[in-house]
């Protein structure tokens, strides 16, 4: 009987130790993931923000020089490109919170993305501002 009690206590202690180890690993892993994710997210946000700013400054300069036709073509291409990216995202995540978020911002957008086809295909030559 003493042997079965000792065995039961040993198994119980092993289970408690395993559970404690799991919880500690989970806690450390989650903290590490948050720590590693922050700088990556900041880097992506900075890169996207700088790219957007450079594009807007370029378009502003072209408009200031009187190149409205070329600038409008570039804006339309940028809109088409963003719709292409969003339509791919929409098709990959149908029925998830992603589509719900798109619909919250623009209720007509999901139906527009459903059958979206790019007007420019795989290539496009950006018009140059001659002025």
N, C-alpha and C. Protein backbone atom coordinates (compact mmCIF):
# COMPACT_ATOMS: atom_id res chain seq x y z
N UNK A 1 0.81 -1.19 0.00
CA UNK A 1 0.00 0.00 0.00
C UNK A 1 0.86 1.26 0.00
N UNK A 2 1.93 1.24 0.80
CA UNK A 2 2.83 2.39 0.83
C UNK A 2 3.43 2.63 -0.54
N UNK A 3 3.67 1.53 -1.24
CA UNK A 3 4.25 1.64 -2.57
C UNK A 3 3.27 2.33 -3.54
N UNK A 4 2.00 2.00 -3.49
CA UNK A 4 1.02 2.60 -4.38
C UNK A 4 0.79 4.07 -4.05
N UNK A 5 0.86 4.43 -2.78
CA UNK A 5 0.73 5.84 -2.38
C UNK A 5 1.94 6.62 -2.89
N UNK A 6 3.11 6.05 -2.75
CA UNK A 6 4.32 6.72 -3.22
C UNK A 6 4.29 6.88 -4.74
N UNK A 7 3.82 5.85 -5.44
CA UNK A 7 3.71 5.92 -6.89
C UNK A 7 2.69 6.98 -7.31
N UNK A 8 1.57 7.03 -6.62
CA UNK A 8 0.53 8.02 -6.91
C UNK A 8 1.06 9.43 -6.68
N UNK A 9 1.77 9.63 -5.58
CA UNK A 9 2.34 10.94 -5.28
C UNK A 9 3.39 11.33 -6.32
N UNK A 10 4.18 10.36 -6.75
CA UNK A 10 5.21 10.63 -7.77
C UNK A 10 4.57 11.03 -9.10
N UNK A 11 3.54 10.30 -9.49
CA UNK A 11 2.85 10.62 -10.75
C UNK A 11 2.18 11.98 -10.65
N UNK A 12 1.55 12.25 -9.53
CA UNK A 12 0.90 13.54 -9.33
C UNK A 12 1.93 14.68 -9.38
N UNK A 13 3.06 14.49 -8.72
CA UNK A 13 4.11 15.51 -8.74
C UNK A 13 4.64 15.72 -10.16
N UNK A 14 4.78 14.63 -10.92
CA UNK A 14 5.25 14.74 -12.30
C UNK A 14 4.25 15.52 -13.15
N UNK A 15 2.97 15.23 -12.96
CA UNK A 15 1.92 15.94 -13.72
C UNK A 15 1.92 17.42 -13.36
N UNK A 16 2.02 17.74 -12.08
CA UNK A 16 2.05 19.14 -11.64
C UNK A 16 3.29 19.84 -12.22
N UNK A 17 4.43 19.16 -12.20
CA UNK A 17 5.67 19.74 -12.75
C UNK A 17 5.53 19.98 -14.26
N UNK A 18 4.93 19.03 -14.97
CA UNK A 18 4.71 19.20 -16.41
C UNK A 18 3.79 20.37 -16.69
N UNK A 19 2.72 20.46 -15.93
CA UNK A 19 1.78 21.55 -16.12
C UNK A 19 2.46 22.90 -15.82
N UNK A 20 3.22 22.96 -14.73
CA UNK A 20 3.94 24.18 -14.38
C UNK A 20 4.94 24.57 -15.45
N UNK A 21 5.64 23.59 -15.99
CA UNK A 21 6.60 23.84 -17.05
C UNK A 21 5.90 24.36 -18.31
N UNK A 22 4.75 23.77 -18.62
CA UNK A 22 3.97 24.21 -19.77
C UNK A 22 3.54 25.66 -19.60
N UNK A 23 3.00 25.99 -18.43
CA UNK A 23 2.53 27.35 -18.17
C UNK A 23 3.68 28.35 -18.24
N UNK A 24 4.82 27.99 -17.66
CA UNK A 24 5.97 28.88 -17.70
C UNK A 24 6.44 29.09 -19.14
N UNK A 25 6.50 28.01 -19.92
CA UNK A 25 6.90 28.11 -21.32
C UNK A 25 5.92 28.96 -22.12
N UNK A 26 4.64 28.80 -21.85
CA UNK A 26 3.61 29.58 -22.52
C UNK A 26 3.77 31.06 -22.21
N UNK A 27 4.00 31.37 -20.93
CA UNK A 27 4.17 32.75 -20.50
C UNK A 27 5.41 33.38 -21.15
N UNK A 28 6.53 32.68 -21.08
CA UNK A 28 7.77 33.19 -21.65
C UNK A 28 7.65 33.34 -23.16
N UNK A 29 7.03 32.37 -23.83
CA UNK A 29 6.85 32.43 -25.27
C UNK A 29 5.98 33.59 -25.70
N UNK A 30 4.89 33.80 -24.97
CA UNK A 30 3.98 34.91 -25.30
C UNK A 30 4.68 36.25 -25.11
N UNK A 31 5.42 36.38 -24.02
CA UNK A 31 6.14 37.63 -23.77
C UNK A 31 7.19 37.87 -24.86
N UNK A 32 7.87 36.83 -25.27
CA UNK A 32 8.89 36.96 -26.31
C UNK A 32 8.25 37.33 -27.66
N UNK A 33 7.11 36.71 -27.95
CA UNK A 33 6.42 37.00 -29.22
C UNK A 33 6.00 38.47 -29.27
N UNK A 34 5.45 38.98 -28.16
CA UNK A 34 5.05 40.38 -28.13
C UNK A 34 6.25 41.30 -28.30
N UNK A 35 7.34 40.93 -27.66
CA UNK A 35 8.57 41.73 -27.73
C UNK A 35 9.13 41.74 -29.15
N UNK A 36 9.08 40.61 -29.82
CA UNK A 36 9.62 40.51 -31.17
C UNK A 36 8.68 41.13 -32.20
N UNK A 37 7.37 41.07 -31.97
CA UNK A 37 6.39 41.54 -32.93
C UNK A 37 6.36 43.06 -33.02
N UNK A 38 6.54 43.74 -31.91
CA UNK A 38 6.46 45.21 -31.88
C UNK A 38 7.40 45.89 -32.86
N UNK A 39 8.71 45.57 -32.82
CA UNK A 39 9.64 46.22 -33.76
C UNK A 39 9.35 45.87 -35.22
N UNK A 40 8.92 44.64 -35.48
CA UNK A 40 8.60 44.25 -36.86
C UNK A 40 7.41 45.06 -37.36
N UNK A 41 6.38 45.16 -36.54
CA UNK A 41 5.20 45.94 -36.92
C UNK A 41 5.56 47.41 -37.14
N UNK A 42 6.37 47.97 -36.26
CA UNK A 42 6.78 49.37 -36.41
C UNK A 42 7.57 49.57 -37.70
N UNK A 43 8.42 48.62 -38.03
CA UNK A 43 9.20 48.70 -39.26
C UNK A 43 8.30 48.67 -40.49
N UNK A 44 7.32 47.77 -40.49
CA UNK A 44 6.39 47.67 -41.62
C UNK A 44 5.57 48.95 -41.74
N UNK A 45 5.08 49.47 -40.60
CA UNK A 45 4.30 50.70 -40.63
C UNK A 45 5.13 51.87 -41.14
N UNK A 46 6.38 51.96 -40.71
CA UNK A 46 7.26 53.04 -41.17
C UNK A 46 7.51 52.92 -42.67
N UNK A 47 7.77 51.72 -43.13
CA UNK A 47 8.02 51.51 -44.56
C UNK A 47 6.80 51.88 -45.40
N UNK A 48 5.63 51.41 -44.99
CA UNK A 48 4.41 51.73 -45.73
C UNK A 48 4.12 53.23 -45.68
N UNK A 49 4.32 53.84 -44.53
CA UNK A 49 4.08 55.26 -44.39
C UNK A 49 5.01 56.09 -45.26
N UNK A 50 6.29 55.72 -45.28
CA UNK A 50 7.25 56.45 -46.12
C UNK A 50 6.96 56.27 -47.60
N UNK A 51 6.62 55.06 -48.00
CA UNK A 51 6.27 54.82 -49.41
C UNK A 51 5.06 55.66 -49.82
N UNK A 52 4.06 55.69 -48.97
CA UNK A 52 2.84 56.46 -49.26
C UNK A 52 3.17 57.95 -49.34
N UNK A 53 3.96 58.44 -48.38
CA UNK A 53 4.34 59.85 -48.37
C UNK A 53 5.12 60.23 -49.62
N UNK A 54 6.08 59.40 -50.01
CA UNK A 54 6.85 59.68 -51.23
C UNK A 54 5.96 59.73 -52.45
N UNK A 55 5.01 58.79 -52.53
CA UNK A 55 4.10 58.78 -53.68
C UNK A 55 3.24 60.04 -53.70
N UNK A 56 2.71 60.42 -52.55
CA UNK A 56 1.87 61.63 -52.49
C UNK A 56 2.66 62.89 -52.82
N UNK A 57 3.90 62.96 -52.36
CA UNK A 57 4.73 64.12 -52.69
C UNK A 57 5.03 64.18 -54.19
N UNK A 58 5.25 63.02 -54.79
CA UNK A 58 5.49 62.96 -56.23
C UNK A 58 4.24 63.43 -56.99
N UNK A 59 3.08 62.95 -56.59
CA UNK A 59 1.84 63.36 -57.26
C UNK A 59 1.56 64.84 -57.06
N UNK A 60 1.83 65.33 -55.85
CA UNK A 60 1.64 66.76 -55.58
C UNK A 60 2.54 67.61 -56.46
N UNK A 61 3.80 67.21 -56.62
CA UNK A 61 4.74 67.96 -57.45
C UNK A 61 4.29 67.97 -58.91
N UNK A 62 3.79 66.84 -59.38
CA UNK A 62 3.33 66.78 -60.76
C UNK A 62 2.08 67.64 -60.98
N UNK A 63 1.19 67.64 -60.01
CA UNK A 63 0.01 68.51 -60.12
C UNK A 63 0.43 69.98 -60.12
N UNK A 64 1.40 70.32 -59.28
CA UNK A 64 1.88 71.71 -59.22
C UNK A 64 2.51 72.13 -60.54
N UNK A 65 3.08 71.18 -61.28
CA UNK A 65 3.68 71.49 -62.58
C UNK A 65 2.65 71.46 -63.71
N UNK A 66 1.39 71.14 -63.38
CA UNK A 66 0.34 71.15 -64.39
C UNK A 66 0.12 69.84 -65.10
N UNK A 67 0.63 68.77 -64.60
CA UNK A 67 0.50 67.44 -65.25
C UNK A 67 -0.70 66.68 -64.69
N UNK A 68 -1.87 67.26 -64.83
CA UNK A 68 -3.05 66.65 -64.24
C UNK A 68 -3.44 65.33 -64.92
N UNK A 69 -3.29 65.25 -66.23
CA UNK A 69 -3.67 64.03 -66.96
C UNK A 69 -2.79 62.85 -66.52
N UNK A 70 -1.48 63.07 -66.44
CA UNK A 70 -0.56 62.02 -66.03
C UNK A 70 -0.78 61.62 -64.57
N UNK A 71 -1.03 62.62 -63.73
CA UNK A 71 -1.25 62.37 -62.31
C UNK A 71 -2.53 61.58 -62.10
N UNK A 72 -3.57 61.92 -62.83
CA UNK A 72 -4.83 61.18 -62.73
C UNK A 72 -4.65 59.73 -63.15
N UNK A 73 -3.87 59.50 -64.20
CA UNK A 73 -3.59 58.12 -64.63
C UNK A 73 -2.86 57.34 -63.54
N UNK A 74 -1.92 57.99 -62.86
CA UNK A 74 -1.18 57.33 -61.78
C UNK A 74 -2.09 57.04 -60.59
N UNK A 75 -2.96 57.97 -60.26
CA UNK A 75 -3.90 57.76 -59.15
C UNK A 75 -4.84 56.60 -59.48
N UNK A 76 -5.33 56.56 -60.69
CA UNK A 76 -6.22 55.46 -61.10
C UNK A 76 -5.50 54.11 -61.04
N UNK A 77 -4.22 54.10 -61.43
CA UNK A 77 -3.45 52.86 -61.34
C UNK A 77 -3.27 52.45 -59.88
N UNK A 78 -2.97 53.41 -59.01
CA UNK A 78 -2.81 53.11 -57.58
C UNK A 78 -4.10 52.55 -56.98
N UNK A 79 -5.23 53.12 -57.38
CA UNK A 79 -6.53 52.62 -56.91
C UNK A 79 -6.74 51.20 -57.40
N UNK A 80 -6.45 50.95 -58.65
CA UNK A 80 -6.59 49.61 -59.23
C UNK A 80 -5.69 48.61 -58.49
N UNK A 81 -4.47 49.02 -58.18
CA UNK A 81 -3.53 48.14 -57.47
C UNK A 81 -4.04 47.80 -56.07
N UNK A 82 -4.57 48.80 -55.38
CA UNK A 82 -5.09 48.54 -54.03
C UNK A 82 -6.33 47.65 -54.08
N UNK A 83 -7.17 47.85 -55.06
CA UNK A 83 -8.34 46.98 -55.22
C UNK A 83 -7.92 45.55 -55.52
N UNK A 84 -6.85 45.38 -56.29
CA UNK A 84 -6.34 44.04 -56.59
C UNK A 84 -5.86 43.35 -55.31
N UNK A 85 -5.10 44.07 -54.49
CA UNK A 85 -4.60 43.52 -53.23
C UNK A 85 -5.78 43.17 -52.31
N UNK A 86 -6.73 44.08 -52.18
CA UNK A 86 -7.89 43.83 -51.32
C UNK A 86 -8.75 42.69 -51.84
N UNK A 87 -8.87 42.55 -53.16
CA UNK A 87 -9.68 41.45 -53.69
C UNK A 87 -9.01 40.11 -53.41
N UNK A 88 -7.69 40.06 -53.47
CA UNK A 88 -6.99 38.82 -53.11
C UNK A 88 -7.19 38.51 -51.63
N UNK A 89 -7.07 39.51 -50.79
CA UNK A 89 -7.30 39.34 -49.36
C UNK A 89 -8.74 38.88 -49.10
N UNK A 90 -9.67 39.49 -49.80
CA UNK A 90 -11.08 39.14 -49.64
C UNK A 90 -11.32 37.68 -50.01
N UNK A 91 -10.78 37.24 -51.13
CA UNK A 91 -11.00 35.85 -51.57
C UNK A 91 -10.34 34.85 -50.61
N UNK A 92 -9.20 35.20 -50.05
CA UNK A 92 -8.50 34.29 -49.13
C UNK A 92 -9.17 34.22 -47.77
N UNK A 93 -9.89 35.26 -47.38
CA UNK A 93 -10.44 35.33 -46.02
C UNK A 93 -11.96 35.49 -46.00
N UNK A 94 -12.63 34.97 -47.01
CA UNK A 94 -14.10 35.04 -47.04
C UNK A 94 -14.69 34.42 -45.78
N UNK A 95 -15.69 35.08 -45.24
CA UNK A 95 -16.38 34.55 -44.06
C UNK A 95 -15.64 34.76 -42.76
N UNK A 96 -14.60 35.60 -42.75
CA UNK A 96 -13.85 35.86 -41.52
C UNK A 96 -14.02 37.32 -41.11
N UNK A 97 -13.39 37.67 -40.00
CA UNK A 97 -13.46 39.04 -39.50
C UNK A 97 -12.87 40.04 -40.49
N UNK A 98 -11.97 39.59 -41.36
CA UNK A 98 -11.35 40.49 -42.33
C UNK A 98 -12.41 41.09 -43.24
N UNK A 99 -13.29 40.24 -43.75
CA UNK A 99 -14.36 40.71 -44.64
C UNK A 99 -15.33 41.59 -43.86
N UNK A 100 -15.59 41.24 -42.61
CA UNK A 100 -16.46 42.07 -41.78
C UNK A 100 -15.89 43.48 -41.61
N UNK A 101 -14.58 43.57 -41.42
CA UNK A 101 -13.94 44.88 -41.28
C UNK A 101 -14.02 45.68 -42.57
N UNK A 102 -13.83 45.01 -43.71
CA UNK A 102 -13.96 45.71 -45.00
C UNK A 102 -15.38 46.25 -45.16
N UNK A 103 -16.36 45.44 -44.81
CA UNK A 103 -17.76 45.84 -44.96
C UNK A 103 -18.13 46.98 -44.02
N UNK A 104 -17.52 47.02 -42.84
CA UNK A 104 -17.78 48.13 -41.91
C UNK A 104 -17.32 49.45 -42.50
N UNK A 105 -16.17 49.44 -43.16
CA UNK A 105 -15.62 50.67 -43.73
C UNK A 105 -16.36 51.10 -44.98
N UNK A 106 -16.77 50.11 -45.80
CA UNK A 106 -17.48 50.40 -47.04
C UNK A 106 -18.38 49.22 -47.36
N UNK A 107 -19.69 49.33 -47.05
CA UNK A 107 -20.60 48.19 -47.25
C UNK A 107 -20.65 47.67 -48.68
N UNK A 108 -20.35 48.49 -49.67
CA UNK A 108 -20.40 48.05 -51.07
C UNK A 108 -19.10 47.36 -51.51
N UNK A 109 -18.06 47.49 -50.72
CA UNK A 109 -16.75 46.99 -51.13
C UNK A 109 -16.69 45.47 -51.33
N UNK A 110 -17.24 44.65 -50.43
CA UNK A 110 -17.14 43.19 -50.65
C UNK A 110 -17.70 42.74 -52.01
N UNK A 111 -18.82 43.29 -52.43
CA UNK A 111 -19.37 42.89 -53.73
C UNK A 111 -18.49 43.38 -54.88
N UNK A 112 -17.84 44.52 -54.70
CA UNK A 112 -16.93 45.03 -55.72
C UNK A 112 -15.68 44.14 -55.80
N UNK A 113 -15.21 43.66 -54.66
CA UNK A 113 -14.00 42.84 -54.63
C UNK A 113 -14.26 41.42 -55.12
N UNK A 114 -15.49 40.96 -54.98
CA UNK A 114 -15.83 39.58 -55.36
C UNK A 114 -15.43 39.26 -56.79
N UNK A 115 -15.76 40.12 -57.72
CA UNK A 115 -15.47 39.84 -59.12
C UNK A 115 -14.43 40.78 -59.71
N UNK A 116 -13.58 41.35 -58.88
CA UNK A 116 -12.63 42.36 -59.35
C UNK A 116 -11.63 41.78 -60.35
N UNK A 117 -11.43 42.51 -61.44
CA UNK A 117 -10.40 42.20 -62.44
C UNK A 117 -9.60 43.48 -62.66
N UNK A 118 -8.30 43.38 -62.59
CA UNK A 118 -7.43 44.54 -62.77
C UNK A 118 -7.57 45.07 -64.19
N UNK A 119 -7.61 46.38 -64.31
CA UNK A 119 -7.71 47.01 -65.63
C UNK A 119 -6.35 47.06 -66.33
N UNK A 120 -5.29 46.81 -65.58
CA UNK A 120 -3.95 46.98 -66.13
C UNK A 120 -3.19 45.68 -66.33
N UNK A 121 -3.74 44.57 -65.93
CA UNK A 121 -3.05 43.30 -66.10
C UNK A 121 -1.80 43.22 -65.26
N UNK A 122 -0.77 42.59 -65.81
CA UNK A 122 0.48 42.38 -65.07
C UNK A 122 1.50 43.49 -65.23
N UNK A 123 1.28 44.38 -66.18
CA UNK A 123 2.26 45.45 -66.36
C UNK A 123 1.56 46.76 -66.72
N UNK A 124 2.26 47.84 -66.45
CA UNK A 124 1.74 49.17 -66.73
C UNK A 124 2.91 50.11 -66.80
N UNK A 125 2.91 50.98 -67.79
CA UNK A 125 3.98 51.97 -67.92
C UNK A 125 3.46 53.29 -67.38
N UNK A 126 4.13 53.79 -66.37
CA UNK A 126 3.72 55.03 -65.74
C UNK A 126 4.01 56.21 -66.66
N UNK A 127 3.00 57.05 -66.91
CA UNK A 127 3.23 58.20 -67.79
C UNK A 127 4.16 59.23 -67.12
N UNK A 128 5.01 59.82 -67.92
CA UNK A 128 5.95 60.82 -67.42
C UNK A 128 5.35 62.22 -67.55
N UNK A 129 5.64 63.03 -66.57
CA UNK A 129 5.20 64.41 -66.59
C UNK A 129 6.21 65.22 -67.42
N UNK A 130 5.75 65.77 -68.54
CA UNK A 130 6.66 66.47 -69.45
C UNK A 130 6.92 67.92 -69.02
N UNK A 131 6.07 68.47 -68.18
CA UNK A 131 6.21 69.89 -67.81
C UNK A 131 7.35 70.12 -66.84
